[in-house]
Amino acid sequence: MNSPFLNASAWQVEVDKMIHAFGAPIDDADAKIITEYLIKNYGG
């Protein structure tokens, strides 16, 4: 079962969590690109 699509602020929180909680090696520029992609393609 798929989870519901998130809004823009929730996607930002998810990307931040990837970086800070899980240690993903994502710089600020890439984090912005990833967040924008998620918002555009999965709700926002």
C-alpha atoms as a PDB file:
ATOM      1  CA  MET A   1       0.000   0.000   0.000  1.00  0.00           C
ATOM      2  CA  ASN A   2       1.417   3.390  -0.955  1.00  0.00           C
ATOM      3  CA  SER A   3       1.576   6.225   1.506  1.00  0.00           C
ATOM      4  CA  PRO A   4      -0.154   9.502   0.621  1.00  0.00           C
ATOM      5  CA  PHE A   5       1.780  12.205  -1.175  1.00  0.00           C
ATOM      6  CA  LEU A   6       3.318  14.835   1.055  1.00  0.00           C
ATOM      7  CA  ASN A   7       3.098  18.618   0.825  1.00  0.00           C
ATOM      8  CA  ALA A   8       6.104  20.888   0.163  1.00  0.00           C
ATOM      9  CA  SER A   9       7.093  21.412   3.795  1.00  0.00           C
ATOM     10  CA  ALA A  10       6.816  17.702   4.557  1.00  0.00           C
ATOM     11  CA  TRP A  11       9.093  16.859   1.623  1.00  0.00           C
ATOM     12  CA  GLN A  12      11.644  19.330   2.989  1.00  0.00           C
ATOM     13  CA  VAL A  13      11.489  17.591   6.362  1.00  0.00           C
ATOM     14  CA  GLU A  14      12.013  14.215   4.680  1.00  0.00           C
ATOM     15  CA  VAL A  15      15.082  15.416   2.776  1.00  0.00           C
ATOM     16  CA  ASP A  16      16.483  16.985   5.960  1.00  0.00           C
ATOM     17  CA  LYS A  17      15.905  13.680   7.743  1.00  0.00           C
ATOM     18  CA  MET A  18      17.824  11.822   5.007  1.00  0.00           C
ATOM     19  CA  ILE A  19      20.779  14.150   5.580  1.00  0.00           C
ATOM     20  CA  HIS A  20      20.812  14.561   9.357  1.00  0.00           C
ATOM     21  CA  ALA A  21      19.295  11.360  10.741  1.00  0.00           C
ATOM     22  CA  PHE A  22      20.531   8.879   8.154  1.00  0.00           C
ATOM     23  CA  GLY A  23      23.770  10.590   7.122  1.00  0.00           C
ATOM     24  CA  ALA A  24      23.050  10.879   3.415  1.00  0.00           C
ATOM     25  CA  PRO A  25      25.939  12.700   1.709  1.00  0.00           C
ATOM     26  CA  ILE A  26      23.765  15.387   0.116  1.00  0.00           C
ATOM     27  CA  ASP A  27      24.930  19.000  -0.085  1.00  0.00           C
ATOM     28  CA  ASP A  28      22.573  21.990   0.120  1.00  0.00           C
ATOM     29  CA  ALA A  29      22.368  22.481  -3.655  1.00  0.00           C
ATOM     30  CA  ASP A  30      21.453  18.847  -4.263  1.00  0.00           C
ATOM     31  CA  ALA A  31      18.986  18.848  -1.358  1.00  0.00           C
ATOM     32  CA  LYS A  32      17.162  21.736  -3.024  1.00  0.00           C
ATOM     33  CA  ILE A  33      17.038  19.886  -6.353  1.00  0.00           C
ATOM     34  CA  ILE A  34      15.783  16.702  -4.693  1.00  0.00           C
ATOM     35  CA  THR A  35      13.118  18.580  -2.740  1.00  0.00           C
ATOM     36  CA  GLU A  36      11.916  20.435  -5.848  1.00  0.00           C
ATOM     37  CA  TYR A  37      11.737  17.155  -7.776  1.00  0.00           C
ATOM     38  CA  LEU A  38       9.684  15.480  -5.044  1.00  0.00           C
ATOM     39  CA  ILE A  39       7.297  18.438  -4.822  1.00  0.00           C
ATOM     40  CA  LYS A  40       6.849  18.586  -8.601  1.00  0.00           C
ATOM     41  CA  ASN A  41       6.328  14.862  -9.107  1.00  0.00           C
ATOM     42  CA  TYR A  42       4.776  13.712  -5.841  1.00  0.00           C
ATOM     43  CA  GLY A  43       2.686  16.601  -4.567  1.00  0.00           C
ATOM     44  CA  GLY A  44       3.363  19.916  -2.986  1.00  0.00           C
END
